[in-house]
């Protein structure tokens, strides 16, 4: 039996293994999301305690994303050579310990250092876990399983995260303790991953590849059209998602004057929308094609952002719009980093190409965008973050229309069905 990346699947990688592996890898991505985004709803409190401002928040988000991106590029190629398991398990242990360390921060410099190191560990986890999910999946369930795995990050990090953060602030002595509590699930998960997760042999020949034992190469990956345009698209889509995720708490509290409780509930729209979109849109793309779903979602997201610009302090309407916007955005991201990329390259380049798309997308969209947004919010007002998000999606739609192509493997699978 073969995975859709073209590599033979060992006997163990069937039925029961698929369920266990996808479930654990999804939980891991959920913990990645919680560890990454828990700082956003805590930031209004942390800012007062540590003397931080909007620009500092942008720098903290940018530092994590920059290191996440660098790690994704390099460890993506590494895991193609040594196997995903040897990258995934150490990464989970390290980022769990580092999120606990975030609670010990005493100022901007210590936060930048700790979050940067955490970004390296989380960036190592992401491309390896995506391809491990694809390898464990039946070809006709690739989009669905990637969606399930990817949706866990926004569901836990953006959906449950704000609610958990506000609730824990009410019962714990201070925000420092919150980081220690959220580190525990990752350490438990690492134990179960070590017991369950198995590697496909990374050097197994791809029948479709004329070089049976070809080494993964960044140059070869960049020669693929979709790798280039998927990366450009990720610049745009992540710029919108990360800017909204990082600055929306302060936008709601400082600009729209919502209470902390209203802010927590409203922000749940980011997580719930991302969660549902990351499952439904990739699953639909299994049947209707990757590019048609991406284009439709980006157009709807564009109109949602335009409506958000004119919305005031109305929590229900804000929740609904954030749900729609992130439903579309996160679904597009899941398709792009998962099946759209892996189906566009030979199997020996699967994690390398995924690492490039995730990593460079994070560096530009996750690091540069929030850093610039923080500077703009500090000098011109936080309301301008919505214009940044809107502009990013306009550019992303242009990239998708003129750059991305339906991958050949998807067309062949559809024809076979």
Protein backbone atom coordinates (compact mmCIF):
# COMPACT_ATOMS: atom_id res chain seq x y z
CA UNK A 1 0.00 0.00 0.00
CA UNK A 2 1.29 3.49 -0.80
CA UNK A 3 0.86 6.90 0.69
CA UNK A 4 -0.10 9.72 -1.63
CA UNK A 5 3.47 10.97 -1.50
CA UNK A 6 4.43 7.92 -3.51
CA UNK A 7 6.30 6.05 -0.75
CA UNK A 8 5.29 2.52 0.22
CA UNK A 9 3.48 2.44 3.52
CA UNK A 10 4.67 -0.21 5.99
CA UNK A 11 2.10 -2.73 7.20
CA UNK A 12 1.70 -0.84 10.47
CA UNK A 13 0.70 2.33 8.68
CA UNK A 14 -2.87 1.33 8.00
CA UNK A 15 -6.28 1.71 9.66
CA UNK A 16 -5.62 1.93 13.38
CA UNK A 17 -2.26 3.61 12.94
CA UNK A 18 -3.76 6.31 10.73
CA UNK A 19 -6.28 7.20 13.44
CA UNK A 20 -3.72 7.25 16.26
CA UNK A 21 -1.06 9.14 14.32
CA UNK A 22 -3.38 11.83 12.98
CA UNK A 23 -4.96 12.29 16.42
CA UNK A 24 -1.62 12.69 18.21
CA UNK A 25 -0.12 14.93 15.53
CA UNK A 26 -3.26 17.07 15.66
CA UNK A 27 -2.99 17.34 19.44
CA UNK A 28 0.63 18.38 18.96
CA UNK A 29 -0.37 21.12 16.56
CA UNK A 30 -3.04 22.24 19.02
CA UNK A 31 -0.42 22.61 21.72
CA UNK A 32 1.81 24.51 19.28
CA UNK A 33 -1.08 26.93 18.72
CA UNK A 34 -1.78 27.30 22.43
CA UNK A 35 1.87 27.93 23.29
CA UNK A 36 2.25 30.43 20.45
CA UNK A 37 -0.95 32.45 20.82
CA UNK A 38 -1.61 32.34 24.58
CA UNK A 39 0.54 35.45 24.92
CA UNK A 40 -1.90 37.58 22.87
CA UNK A 41 -4.87 37.65 25.29
CA UNK A 42 -2.41 37.93 28.19
CA UNK A 43 -0.61 40.88 26.64
CA UNK A 44 -2.86 43.69 27.93
CA UNK A 45 -2.00 42.52 31.46
CA UNK A 46 1.65 41.75 30.71
CA UNK A 47 2.11 45.15 29.07
CA UNK A 48 1.14 46.97 32.26
CA UNK A 49 3.34 44.74 34.40
CA UNK A 50 6.44 44.82 32.18
CA UNK A 51 6.05 48.26 30.59
CA UNK A 52 5.53 47.04 27.02
CA UNK A 53 3.75 48.71 24.08
CA UNK A 54 2.25 47.78 20.69
CA UNK A 55 5.60 47.84 18.95
CA UNK A 56 7.01 45.45 21.55
CA UNK A 57 4.11 43.06 20.90
CA UNK A 58 4.88 43.18 17.20
CA UNK A 59 8.56 42.45 17.86
CA UNK A 60 7.75 39.51 20.15
CA UNK A 61 5.42 37.98 17.56
CA UNK A 62 7.94 38.66 14.80
CA UNK A 63 10.85 37.09 16.69
CA UNK A 64 8.96 33.83 17.22
CA UNK A 65 7.77 33.72 13.62
CA UNK A 66 11.22 34.50 12.21
CA UNK A 67 12.83 31.65 14.14
CA UNK A 68 9.85 29.39 13.32
CA UNK A 69 10.40 30.10 9.63
CA UNK A 70 14.16 29.50 9.69
CA UNK A 71 13.72 26.23 11.58
CA UNK A 72 11.00 25.04 9.19
CA UNK A 73 13.22 25.52 6.15
CA UNK A 74 16.23 23.70 7.58
CA UNK A 75 14.53 20.95 9.57
CA UNK A 76 12.17 20.23 6.68
CA UNK A 77 15.14 19.11 4.64
CA UNK A 78 16.63 17.33 7.67
CA UNK A 79 13.49 15.27 8.31
CA UNK A 80 13.45 14.18 4.65
CA UNK A 81 16.86 12.66 5.36
CA UNK A 82 16.52 11.20 8.88
CA UNK A 83 12.75 10.76 9.21
CA UNK A 84 9.99 12.83 10.82
CA UNK A 85 9.93 11.01 14.18
CA UNK A 86 13.48 12.05 15.09
CA UNK A 87 12.51 15.69 14.58
CA UNK A 88 8.97 15.73 16.01
CA UNK A 89 9.48 14.25 19.49
CA UNK A 90 12.48 16.39 20.58
CA UNK A 91 10.73 19.48 19.19
CA UNK A 92 7.62 18.88 21.34
CA UNK A 93 9.70 18.46 24.51
CA UNK A 94 11.77 21.58 23.84
CA UNK A 95 8.92 23.98 22.99
CA UNK A 96 6.93 22.78 26.01
CA UNK A 97 9.81 23.58 28.35
CA UNK A 98 10.36 26.95 26.69
CA UNK A 99 6.72 28.07 26.99
CA UNK A 100 7.04 27.43 30.73
CA UNK A 101 10.14 29.60 30.65
CA UNK A 102 8.08 32.45 29.15
CA UNK A 103 6.43 32.79 32.54
CA UNK A 104 9.82 33.72 34.01
CA UNK A 105 10.31 36.69 31.67
CA UNK A 106 11.03 40.01 33.36
CA UNK A 107 11.01 42.32 30.34
CA UNK A 108 11.20 42.69 26.58
CA UNK A 109 14.70 41.19 26.13
CA UNK A 110 13.97 38.00 28.07
CA UNK A 111 10.64 37.58 26.26
CA UNK A 112 12.32 38.01 22.88
CA UNK A 113 14.97 35.42 23.75
CA UNK A 114 12.55 32.81 25.13
CA UNK A 115 9.97 33.23 22.36
CA UNK A 116 12.68 33.09 19.69
CA UNK A 117 14.00 29.79 21.02
CA UNK A 118 10.44 28.49 21.22
CA UNK A 119 9.95 29.49 17.59
CA UNK A 120 12.90 27.31 16.54
CA UNK A 121 11.36 24.26 18.26
CA UNK A 122 7.83 24.86 16.95
CA UNK A 123 9.13 25.54 13.46
CA UNK A 124 10.91 22.19 13.53
CA UNK A 125 7.67 20.43 14.48
CA UNK A 126 5.44 21.90 11.77
CA UNK A 127 6.69 20.59 8.37
CA UNK A 128 7.68 17.21 9.83
CA UNK A 129 4.25 16.77 11.43
CA UNK A 130 2.44 17.79 8.22
CA UNK A 131 4.26 15.20 6.12
CA UNK A 132 3.95 12.57 8.88
CA UNK A 133 0.18 13.15 8.71
CA UNK A 134 0.18 12.83 4.92
CA UNK A 135 2.26 9.64 5.10
CA UNK A 136 -0.17 8.09 7.57
CA UNK A 137 -3.24 8.99 5.49
CA UNK A 138 -5.18 7.14 2.86
CA UNK A 139 -4.83 9.15 -0.41
CA UNK A 140 -8.53 10.00 -0.58
CA UNK A 141 -8.40 11.40 2.98
CA UNK A 142 -5.27 13.52 2.67
CA UNK A 143 -7.03 16.89 2.63
CA UNK A 144 -9.41 15.86 5.42
CA UNK A 145 -6.64 14.55 7.69
CA UNK A 146 -4.42 17.55 7.06
CA UNK A 147 -7.40 19.75 7.87
CA UNK A 148 -8.01 17.89 11.13
CA UNK A 149 -4.35 18.20 12.08
CA UNK A 150 -4.06 21.86 11.10
CA UNK A 151 -7.34 22.94 12.69
CA UNK A 152 -6.12 21.98 16.14
CA UNK A 153 -3.75 24.96 16.32
CA UNK A 154 -6.38 27.68 15.85
CA UNK A 155 -9.02 25.72 17.77
CA UNK A 156 -6.84 25.41 20.86
CA UNK A 157 -4.63 28.49 20.40
CA UNK A 158 -7.10 31.06 19.07
CA UNK A 159 -10.43 29.55 20.13
CA UNK A 160 -9.87 28.07 23.58
CA UNK A 161 -6.72 30.08 24.31
CA UNK A 162 -8.35 33.48 25.05
CA UNK A 163 -11.07 31.87 27.17
CA UNK A 164 -8.55 29.77 29.10
CA UNK A 165 -6.21 32.73 29.57
CA UNK A 166 -8.92 34.98 31.01
CA UNK A 167 -10.22 32.14 33.22
CA UNK A 168 -6.75 31.26 34.55
CA UNK A 169 -5.97 34.91 35.27
CA UNK A 170 -8.93 34.91 37.66
CA UNK A 171 -7.72 31.93 39.72
CA UNK A 172 -3.92 32.01 39.42
CA UNK A 173 -1.67 34.48 41.29
CA UNK A 174 -0.45 36.15 38.06
CA UNK A 175 0.06 35.74 34.31
CA UNK A 176 3.45 34.10 35.02
CA UNK A 177 1.68 30.96 36.23
CA UNK A 178 -0.41 30.62 33.07
CA UNK A 179 2.64 29.80 30.96
CA UNK A 180 3.70 27.07 33.39
CA UNK A 181 0.28 25.41 33.29
CA UNK A 182 0.04 25.33 29.48
CA UNK A 183 3.45 23.63 29.23
CA UNK A 184 2.24 20.42 30.91
CA UNK A 185 0.14 18.94 28.04
CA UNK A 186 3.09 19.05 25.64
CA UNK A 187 5.30 16.95 27.88
CA UNK A 188 2.54 14.35 28.24
CA UNK A 189 2.00 14.30 24.47
CA UNK A 190 5.72 13.71 23.81
CA UNK A 191 5.47 10.45 25.79
CA UNK A 192 2.58 9.16 23.66
CA UNK A 193 4.20 10.26 20.39
CA UNK A 194 7.31 8.29 21.33
CA UNK A 195 5.16 5.17 21.82
CA UNK A 196 2.98 5.48 18.70
CA UNK A 197 4.69 7.47 15.93
CA UNK A 198 6.64 5.54 13.28
CA UNK A 199 8.71 6.69 10.34
CA UNK A 200 8.46 5.74 6.74
CA UNK A 201 11.93 5.12 5.39
CA UNK A 202 12.94 8.54 4.00
CA UNK A 203 15.23 7.01 1.39
CA UNK A 204 12.57 4.68 -0.08
CA UNK A 205 12.49 5.17 -3.87
CA UNK A 206 9.59 6.95 -5.47
CA UNK A 207 8.44 4.90 -8.48
CA UNK A 208 7.66 8.14 -10.32
CA UNK A 209 11.11 9.54 -9.64
CA UNK A 210 13.86 8.76 -12.12
CA UNK A 211 16.53 9.21 -9.42
CA UNK A 212 15.64 6.51 -6.87
CA UNK A 213 17.83 7.72 -4.01
CA UNK A 214 17.84 11.43 -4.80
CA UNK A 215 18.90 13.70 -1.97
CA UNK A 216 16.42 16.46 -1.00
CA UNK A 217 17.47 19.76 -2.58
CA UNK A 218 16.19 23.29 -2.00
CA UNK A 219 17.17 24.20 -5.56
CA UNK A 220 15.13 21.34 -7.01
CA UNK A 221 12.16 22.28 -4.83
CA UNK A 222 12.28 25.90 -6.01
CA UNK A 223 12.18 24.75 -9.62
CA UNK A 224 8.59 23.70 -9.02
CA UNK A 225 6.13 26.46 -9.90
CA UNK A 226 3.70 25.76 -7.06
CA UNK A 227 6.43 25.82 -4.41
CA UNK A 228 7.31 29.36 -5.48
CA UNK A 229 3.74 30.65 -5.68
CA UNK A 230 2.57 28.75 -2.61
CA UNK A 231 5.34 30.53 -0.71
CA UNK A 232 4.30 33.92 -2.08
CA UNK A 233 0.70 33.15 -1.18
CA UNK A 234 1.69 32.20 2.35
CA UNK A 235 3.44 35.58 2.70
CA UNK A 236 0.07 37.22 2.16
CA UNK A 237 -2.30 34.85 3.97
CA UNK A 238 -0.14 34.60 7.08
CA UNK A 239 0.35 38.38 7.13
CA UNK A 240 -3.40 38.74 7.50
CA UNK A 241 -3.84 35.91 10.01
CA UNK A 242 -0.90 36.75 12.27
CA UNK A 243 -1.58 40.49 12.31
CA UNK A 244 -5.21 39.89 13.29
CA UNK A 245 -4.25 37.27 15.88
CA UNK A 246 -1.55 39.42 17.48
CA UNK A 247 -3.28 42.81 17.55
CA UNK A 248 -6.99 42.06 17.73
CA UNK A 249 -7.00 41.77 21.57
CA UNK A 250 -5.65 45.30 21.92
CA UNK A 251 -7.83 46.54 19.04
CA UNK A 252 -10.92 45.31 20.86
CA UNK A 253 -9.90 46.58 24.30
CA UNK A 254 -8.11 49.84 23.45
CA UNK A 255 -9.90 50.97 20.27
CA UNK A 256 -13.41 49.53 20.63
CA UNK A 257 -13.38 49.66 24.47
CA UNK A 258 -14.67 46.13 25.03
CA UNK A 259 -14.20 44.57 28.47
CA UNK A 260 -11.73 41.74 29.02
CA UNK A 261 -14.58 39.22 29.17
CA UNK A 262 -16.11 40.57 25.93
CA UNK A 263 -12.69 40.52 24.31
CA UNK A 264 -12.12 36.87 25.25
CA UNK A 265 -15.47 35.75 23.87
CA UNK A 266 -15.15 37.83 20.68
CA UNK A 267 -11.64 36.51 19.99
CA UNK A 268 -12.98 32.98 20.14
CA UNK A 269 -14.34 33.71 16.65
CA UNK A 270 -10.76 33.62 15.38
CA UNK A 271 -10.22 30.15 16.74
CA UNK A 272 -13.60 28.62 15.97
CA UNK A 273 -13.56 29.94 12.41
CA UNK A 274 -10.02 28.71 11.80
CA UNK A 275 -10.82 25.33 13.30
CA UNK A 276 -13.90 24.68 11.15
CA UNK A 277 -12.36 26.14 8.00
CA UNK A 278 -9.24 24.00 8.28
CA UNK A 279 -11.37 20.85 8.24
CA UNK A 280 -14.09 21.74 5.74
CA UNK A 281 -12.11 23.53 3.02
CA UNK A 282 -9.31 20.92 2.64
CA UNK A 283 -11.95 18.16 2.64
CA UNK A 284 -13.88 19.98 -0.09
CA UNK A 285 -10.65 20.42 -2.04
CA UNK A 286 -10.25 16.61 -2.06
CA UNK A 287 -13.36 16.52 -4.25
CA UNK A 288 -13.54 19.89 -6.01
CA UNK A 289 -9.86 20.68 -6.52
CA UNK A 290 -7.32 22.74 -4.58
CA UNK A 291 -7.28 25.97 -6.62
CA UNK A 292 -11.07 26.48 -7.01
CA UNK A 293 -11.56 26.25 -3.24
CA UNK A 294 -8.65 28.62 -2.57
CA UNK A 295 -9.99 31.29 -4.95
CA UNK A 296 -13.54 31.11 -3.59
CA UNK A 297 -12.34 31.33 0.01
CA UNK A 298 -10.10 34.34 -0.64
CA UNK A 299 -12.91 36.31 -2.30
CA UNK A 300 -15.24 35.67 0.67
CA UNK A 301 -12.46 36.61 3.11
CA UNK A 302 -11.90 39.87 1.24
CA UNK A 303 -15.54 40.90 1.68
CA UNK A 304 -15.41 39.87 5.34
CA UNK A 305 -12.44 42.15 6.01
CA UNK A 306 -14.17 45.05 4.28
CA UNK A 307 -17.20 44.55 6.56
CA UNK A 308 -14.94 44.36 9.64
CA UNK A 309 -13.52 47.80 8.84
CA UNK A 310 -16.97 49.35 9.37
CA UNK A 311 -17.97 47.41 12.48
CA UNK A 312 -17.97 49.04 15.92
CA UNK A 313 -18.23 47.65 19.45
CA UNK A 314 -20.73 44.91 18.59
CA UNK A 315 -19.37 41.61 20.04
CA UNK A 316 -21.78 39.29 18.20
CA UNK A 317 -21.16 40.89 14.81
CA UNK A 318 -17.41 41.01 15.47
CA UNK A 319 -17.40 37.33 16.44
CA UNK A 320 -19.28 36.43 13.25
CA UNK A 321 -16.97 38.40 10.97
CA UNK A 322 -13.83 37.05 12.63
CA UNK A 323 -15.29 33.55 12.24
CA UNK A 324 -15.86 34.02 8.50
CA UNK A 325 -12.50 35.68 7.86
CA UNK A 326 -10.43 33.05 9.65
CA UNK A 327 -12.60 30.19 8.34
CA UNK A 328 -11.53 31.15 4.84
CA UNK A 329 -7.95 32.13 5.65
CA UNK A 330 -7.06 29.09 7.74
CA UNK A 331 -8.65 26.73 5.23
CA UNK A 332 -6.49 28.20 2.47
CA UNK A 333 -3.38 27.90 4.65
CA UNK A 334 -4.14 24.23 5.42
CA UNK A 335 -4.59 23.38 1.74
CA UNK A 336 -1.42 25.26 0.78
CA UNK A 337 0.99 23.78 3.35
CA UNK A 338 -0.54 20.32 3.03
CA UNK A 339 -1.82 18.66 -0.15
CA UNK A 340 -1.21 21.54 -2.57
CA UNK A 341 2.51 21.50 -1.83
CA UNK A 342 3.09 17.78 -1.26
CA UNK A 343 1.17 16.81 -4.42
CA UNK A 344 3.25 19.23 -6.49
CA UNK A 345 6.68 17.66 -5.84
CA UNK A 346 8.36 14.22 -5.93
CA UNK A 347 8.09 12.29 -2.67
CA UNK A 348 11.74 12.77 -1.66
CA UNK A 349 11.09 16.55 -1.62
CA UNK A 350 7.83 16.45 0.35
CA UNK A 351 9.09 17.77 3.70
CA UNK A 352 11.73 19.97 2.09
CA UNK A 353 9.10 21.73 -0.02
CA UNK A 354 6.68 21.94 2.91
CA UNK A 355 9.44 23.43 5.06
CA UNK A 356 10.15 26.07 2.42
CA UNK A 357 6.49 27.08 2.09
CA UNK A 358 5.89 27.11 5.85
CA UNK A 359 9.26 28.61 6.74
CA UNK A 360 9.54 31.44 4.23
CA UNK A 361 5.85 32.18 4.67
CA UNK A 362 6.44 32.56 8.40
CA UNK A 363 9.50 34.75 7.94
CA UNK A 364 7.63 37.25 5.76
CA UNK A 365 4.02 36.87 6.87
CA UNK A 366 4.62 35.90 10.47
CA UNK A 367 7.70 37.99 11.28
CA UNK A 368 7.97 41.04 9.02
CA UNK A 369 4.22 41.78 8.89
CA UNK A 370 3.57 41.96 12.66
CA UNK A 371 6.78 43.93 13.21
CA UNK A 372 5.63 46.53 10.66
CA UNK A 373 2.08 46.41 12.01
CA UNK A 374 3.34 47.06 15.52
CA UNK A 375 5.29 50.11 14.38
CA UNK A 376 2.28 51.43 12.44
CA UNK A 377 -0.09 50.79 15.36
CA UNK A 378 2.24 52.61 17.73
CA UNK A 379 2.68 55.68 15.50
CA UNK A 380 -0.62 55.93 13.58
CA UNK A 381 -3.13 54.07 15.75
CA UNK A 382 -4.09 50.44 16.21
CA UNK A 383 -7.12 50.74 13.91
CA UNK A 384 -4.74 50.61 10.93
CA UNK A 385 -4.02 46.90 11.48
CA UNK A 386 -7.22 46.10 9.55
CA UNK A 387 -5.93 47.91 6.47
CA UNK A 388 -2.75 45.82 6.60
CA UNK A 389 -4.78 42.60 6.76
CA UNK A 390 -7.00 43.71 3.88
CA UNK A 391 -4.08 44.67 1.66
CA UNK A 392 -2.40 41.32 2.30
CA UNK A 393 -5.45 39.38 1.10
CA UNK A 394 -5.79 41.51 -2.05
CA UNK A 395 -2.20 40.61 -2.96
CA UNK A 396 -2.77 36.98 -2.01
CA UNK A 397 -5.78 36.73 -4.30
CA UNK A 398 -3.69 38.03 -7.21
CA UNK A 399 -1.00 35.42 -6.50
CA UNK A 400 -3.58 32.62 -6.37
CA UNK A 401 -5.28 33.65 -9.62
CA UNK A 402 -2.19 34.03 -11.75
CA UNK A 403 0.40 31.81 -10.04
CA UNK A 404 -0.99 28.63 -8.49
CA UNK A 405 -1.83 25.58 -10.60
CA UNK A 406 -3.77 22.46 -9.75
CA UNK A 407 -1.12 19.81 -8.89
CA UNK A 408 -0.69 16.94 -11.35
CA UNK A 409 -1.04 14.27 -8.66
CA UNK A 410 -4.45 15.66 -7.70
CA UNK A 411 -5.60 15.65 -11.32
CA UNK A 412 -4.43 12.04 -11.75
CA UNK A 413 -6.15 10.91 -8.55
CA UNK A 414 -9.40 12.64 -9.55
CA UNK A 415 -9.29 10.99 -12.96
CA UNK A 416 -8.70 7.57 -11.36
CA UNK A 417 -11.68 8.02 -9.05
